[in-house]
Amino acid sequence: MTKKALIVDDAEPNRILIGAIVSKLGVQVEYAEDGDEAVQKFVVVEPDIVIIDQIMPRKNGSEAIVEMKQLRPAFTAVLMSALTSTENIREIMESCGAEEFLPKPISSAVISAVLTKYGVIG
């Protein structure tokens, strides 16, 4: 069965780039532009992994992850951001339940490693 990923970023070039990398690895990709849309798509798509930007308008990544985990806890949440303060990142991840944090910009090797680590790809 094909695994599914939800890519969420308010910056379209980021969404397209990350989606292209994930898609090349054989994962079905869906997109959302912000946290609100991400939660709506999450319900419909039922992704195995969500790769979501932290800083977005309306609802940020960690807020969206909290809502998604309440709806269906069994998925991998990957938070990404240009934030670099490790203390902030640790607090944010613990508060929302994200499994992984990826600093931007993200390389295809890092994405591949995360998808492998969480069993999304073989």
C-alpha atoms as a PDB file:
ATOM      1  CA  MET A   1       0.000   0.000   0.000  1.00  0.00           C
ATOM      2  CA  THR A   2       1.344   3.423  -0.954  1.00  0.00           C
ATOM      3  CA  LYS A   3       2.298   5.598   1.989  1.00  0.00           C
ATOM      4  CA  LYS A   4       0.978   9.152   2.126  1.00  0.00           C
ATOM      5  CA  ALA A   5       2.606  12.414   3.182  1.00  0.00           C
ATOM      6  CA  LEU A   6       1.043  15.790   3.896  1.00  0.00           C
ATOM      7  CA  ILE A   7       3.418  18.690   3.191  1.00  0.00           C
ATOM      8  CA  VAL A   8       2.444  21.964   4.873  1.00  0.00           C
ATOM      9  CA  ASP A   9       4.182  25.293   4.295  1.00  0.00           C
ATOM     10  CA  ASP A  10       2.854  28.763   3.580  1.00  0.00           C
ATOM     11  CA  ALA A  11       5.717  29.287   1.095  1.00  0.00           C
ATOM     12  CA  GLU A  12       4.780  27.577  -2.165  1.00  0.00           C
ATOM     13  CA  PRO A  13       8.396  26.994  -3.363  1.00  0.00           C
ATOM     14  CA  ASN A  14       9.119  25.082  -0.139  1.00  0.00           C
ATOM     15  CA  ARG A  15       5.991  22.950  -0.532  1.00  0.00           C
ATOM     16  CA  ILE A  16       6.814  22.119  -4.131  1.00  0.00           C
ATOM     17  CA  LEU A  17      10.468  21.303  -3.425  1.00  0.00           C
ATOM     18  CA  ILE A  18       9.788  19.055  -0.428  1.00  0.00           C
ATOM     19  CA  GLY A  19       6.828  17.446  -2.194  1.00  0.00           C
ATOM     20  CA  ALA A  20       8.969  16.658  -5.241  1.00  0.00           C
ATOM     21  CA  ILE A  21      11.621  14.986  -3.066  1.00  0.00           C
ATOM     22  CA  VAL A  22       9.040  12.936  -1.139  1.00  0.00           C
ATOM     23  CA  SER A  23       7.175  12.010  -4.322  1.00  0.00           C
ATOM     24  CA  LYS A  24      10.412  10.792  -5.995  1.00  0.00           C
ATOM     25  CA  LEU A  25      10.817   8.413  -3.050  1.00  0.00           C
ATOM     26  CA  GLY A  26       7.517   6.755  -3.977  1.00  0.00           C
ATOM     27  CA  VAL A  27       5.267   8.437  -1.415  1.00  0.00           C
ATOM     28  CA  GLN A  28       1.892   9.935  -2.394  1.00  0.00           C
ATOM     29  CA  VAL A  29       1.923  13.678  -1.606  1.00  0.00           C
ATOM     30  CA  GLU A  30      -0.832  16.072  -0.587  1.00  0.00           C
ATOM     31  CA  TYR A  31      -0.316  19.760   0.200  1.00  0.00           C
ATOM     32  CA  ALA A  32      -1.691  22.393   2.553  1.00  0.00           C
ATOM     33  CA  GLU A  33      -0.835  26.101   2.828  1.00  0.00           C
ATOM     34  CA  ASP A  34      -1.434  26.636   6.550  1.00  0.00           C
ATOM     35  CA  GLY A  35      -2.312  24.880   9.793  1.00  0.00           C
ATOM     36  CA  ASP A  36      -6.080  25.189   9.331  1.00  0.00           C
ATOM     37  CA  GLU A  37      -5.984  23.626   5.875  1.00  0.00           C
ATOM     38  CA  ALA A  38      -3.536  20.996   7.167  1.00  0.00           C
ATOM     39  CA  VAL A  39      -5.986  19.766   9.824  1.00  0.00           C
ATOM     40  CA  GLN A  40      -8.823  19.630   7.261  1.00  0.00           C
ATOM     41  CA  LYS A  41      -6.688  17.685   4.746  1.00  0.00           C
ATOM     42  CA  PHE A  42      -5.343  15.432   7.523  1.00  0.00           C
ATOM     43  CA  VAL A  43      -8.856  14.112   8.199  1.00  0.00           C
ATOM     44  CA  VAL A  44      -9.482  13.328   4.521  1.00  0.00           C
ATOM     45  CA  VAL A  45      -6.024  12.125   3.441  1.00  0.00           C
ATOM     46  CA  GLU A  46      -5.031  10.166   6.595  1.00  0.00           C
ATOM     47  CA  PRO A  47      -1.295  10.610   5.934  1.00  0.00           C
ATOM     48  CA  ASP A  48       1.403   8.385   7.428  1.00  0.00           C
ATOM     49  CA  ILE A  49       3.638  11.412   7.890  1.00  0.00           C
ATOM     50  CA  VAL A  50       3.065  15.159   8.106  1.00  0.00           C
ATOM     51  CA  ILE A  51       5.957  17.500   7.335  1.00  0.00           C
ATOM     52  CA  ILE A  52       4.857  20.902   8.552  1.00  0.00           C
ATOM     53  CA  ASP A  53       6.407  24.344   8.870  1.00  0.00           C
ATOM     54  CA  GLN A  54       6.253  25.888  12.345  1.00  0.00           C
ATOM     55  CA  ILE A  55       5.819  29.541  11.400  1.00  0.00           C
ATOM     56  CA  MET A  56       2.653  30.125   9.353  1.00  0.00           C
ATOM     57  CA  PRO A  57      -0.278  32.541   9.435  1.00  0.00           C
ATOM     58  CA  ARG A  58      -3.541  31.657  11.259  1.00  0.00           C
ATOM     59  CA  LYS A  59      -2.383  28.382  12.846  1.00  0.00           C
ATOM     60  CA  ASN A  60       1.263  27.413  13.277  1.00  0.00           C
ATOM     61  CA  GLY A  61       2.716  23.948  12.824  1.00  0.00           C
ATOM     62  CA  SER A  62       2.736  22.885  16.467  1.00  0.00           C
ATOM     63  CA  GLU A  63      -0.890  23.982  16.978  1.00  0.00           C
ATOM     64  CA  ALA A  64      -1.924  21.959  13.925  1.00  0.00           C
ATOM     65  CA  ILE A  65       0.028  18.905  15.151  1.00  0.00           C
ATOM     66  CA  VAL A  66      -1.763  19.026  18.522  1.00  0.00           C
ATOM     67  CA  GLU A  67      -5.144  18.953  16.728  1.00  0.00           C
ATOM     68  CA  MET A  68      -4.042  16.149  14.390  1.00  0.00           C
ATOM     69  CA  LYS A  69      -2.697  14.014  17.252  1.00  0.00           C
ATOM     70  CA  GLN A  70      -6.066  14.383  19.030  1.00  0.00           C
ATOM     71  CA  LEU A  71      -7.858  13.211  15.881  1.00  0.00           C
ATOM     72  CA  ARG A  72      -5.501  10.320  15.084  1.00  0.00           C
ATOM     73  CA  PRO A  73      -2.356   9.805  17.186  1.00  0.00           C
ATOM     74  CA  ALA A  74      -0.815   7.159  14.908  1.00  0.00           C
ATOM     75  CA  PHE A  75       1.169   9.237  12.440  1.00  0.00           C
ATOM     76  CA  THR A  76       4.637  10.772  12.315  1.00  0.00           C
ATOM     77  CA  ALA A  77       4.785  14.542  12.797  1.00  0.00           C
ATOM     78  CA  VAL A  78       7.850  16.303  11.430  1.00  0.00           C
ATOM     79  CA  LEU A  79       8.170  19.954  12.321  1.00  0.00           C
ATOM     80  CA  MET A  80      10.404  22.146  10.162  1.00  0.00           C
ATOM     81  CA  SER A  81      11.576  25.688  10.685  1.00  0.00           C
ATOM     82  CA  ALA A  82      14.313  28.187  10.100  1.00  0.00           C
ATOM     83  CA  LEU A  83      14.326  28.687  13.897  1.00  0.00           C
ATOM     84  CA  THR A  84      17.680  27.721  15.308  1.00  0.00           C
ATOM     85  CA  SER A  85      17.313  28.008  19.100  1.00  0.00           C
ATOM     86  CA  THR A  86      17.521  24.401  20.312  1.00  0.00           C
ATOM     87  CA  GLU A  87      15.776  25.287  23.586  1.00  0.00           C
ATOM     88  CA  ASN A  88      12.769  26.686  21.713  1.00  0.00           C
ATOM     89  CA  ILE A  89      12.664  23.704  19.385  1.00  0.00           C
ATOM     90  CA  ARG A  90      12.730  21.180  22.249  1.00  0.00           C
ATOM     91  CA  GLU A  91       9.907  22.990  24.061  1.00  0.00           C
ATOM     92  CA  ILE A  92       7.783  23.250  20.911  1.00  0.00           C
ATOM     93  CA  MET A  93       8.284  19.569  20.027  1.00  0.00           C
ATOM     94  CA  GLU A  94       7.419  18.402  23.549  1.00  0.00           C
ATOM     95  CA  SER A  95       4.321  20.600  23.680  1.00  0.00           C
ATOM     96  CA  CYS A  96       2.868  19.285  20.417  1.00  0.00           C
ATOM     97  CA  GLY A  97       4.163  15.717  20.264  1.00  0.00           C
ATOM     98  CA  ALA A  98       6.241  16.014  17.085  1.00  0.00           C
ATOM     99  CA  GLU A  99       8.597  13.081  16.507  1.00  0.00           C
ATOM    100  CA  GLU A 100      11.207  14.978  14.509  1.00  0.00           C
ATOM    101  CA  PHE A 101      12.526  18.461  13.811  1.00  0.00           C
ATOM    102  CA  LEU A 102      14.177  19.491  10.543  1.00  0.00           C
ATOM    103  CA  PRO A 103      15.992  22.811  10.217  1.00  0.00           C
ATOM    104  CA  LYS A 104      15.467  24.672   6.937  1.00  0.00           C
ATOM    105  CA  PRO A 105      16.742  24.490   4.285  1.00  0.00           C
ATOM    106  CA  ILE A 106      16.143  20.738   4.099  1.00  0.00           C
ATOM    107  CA  SER A 107      18.189  18.447   1.875  1.00  0.00           C
ATOM    108  CA  SER A 108      16.800  15.460   0.002  1.00  0.00           C
ATOM    109  CA  ALA A 109      19.193  13.194   1.959  1.00  0.00           C
ATOM    110  CA  VAL A 110      17.714  14.368   5.269  1.00  0.00           C
ATOM    111  CA  ILE A 111      14.143  13.868   4.031  1.00  0.00           C
ATOM    112  CA  SER A 112      15.020  10.386   2.777  1.00  0.00           C
ATOM    113  CA  ALA A 113      16.627   9.508   6.137  1.00  0.00           C
ATOM    114  CA  VAL A 114      13.555  10.665   8.099  1.00  0.00           C
ATOM    115  CA  LEU A 115      11.144   8.767   5.831  1.00  0.00           C
ATOM    116  CA  THR A 116      13.281   5.645   6.263  1.00  0.00           C
ATOM    117  CA  LYS A 117      13.611   6.070  10.039  1.00  0.00           C
ATOM    118  CA  TYR A 118       9.832   6.174  10.493  1.00  0.00           C
ATOM    119  CA  GLY A 119       9.054   3.351   8.052  1.00  0.00           C
ATOM    120  CA  VAL A 120       7.430   5.509   5.392  1.00  0.00           C
ATOM    121  CA  ILE A 121       9.892   4.179   2.814  1.00  0.00           C
ATOM    122  CA  GLY A 122      11.827   0.905   2.896  1.00  0.00           C
END
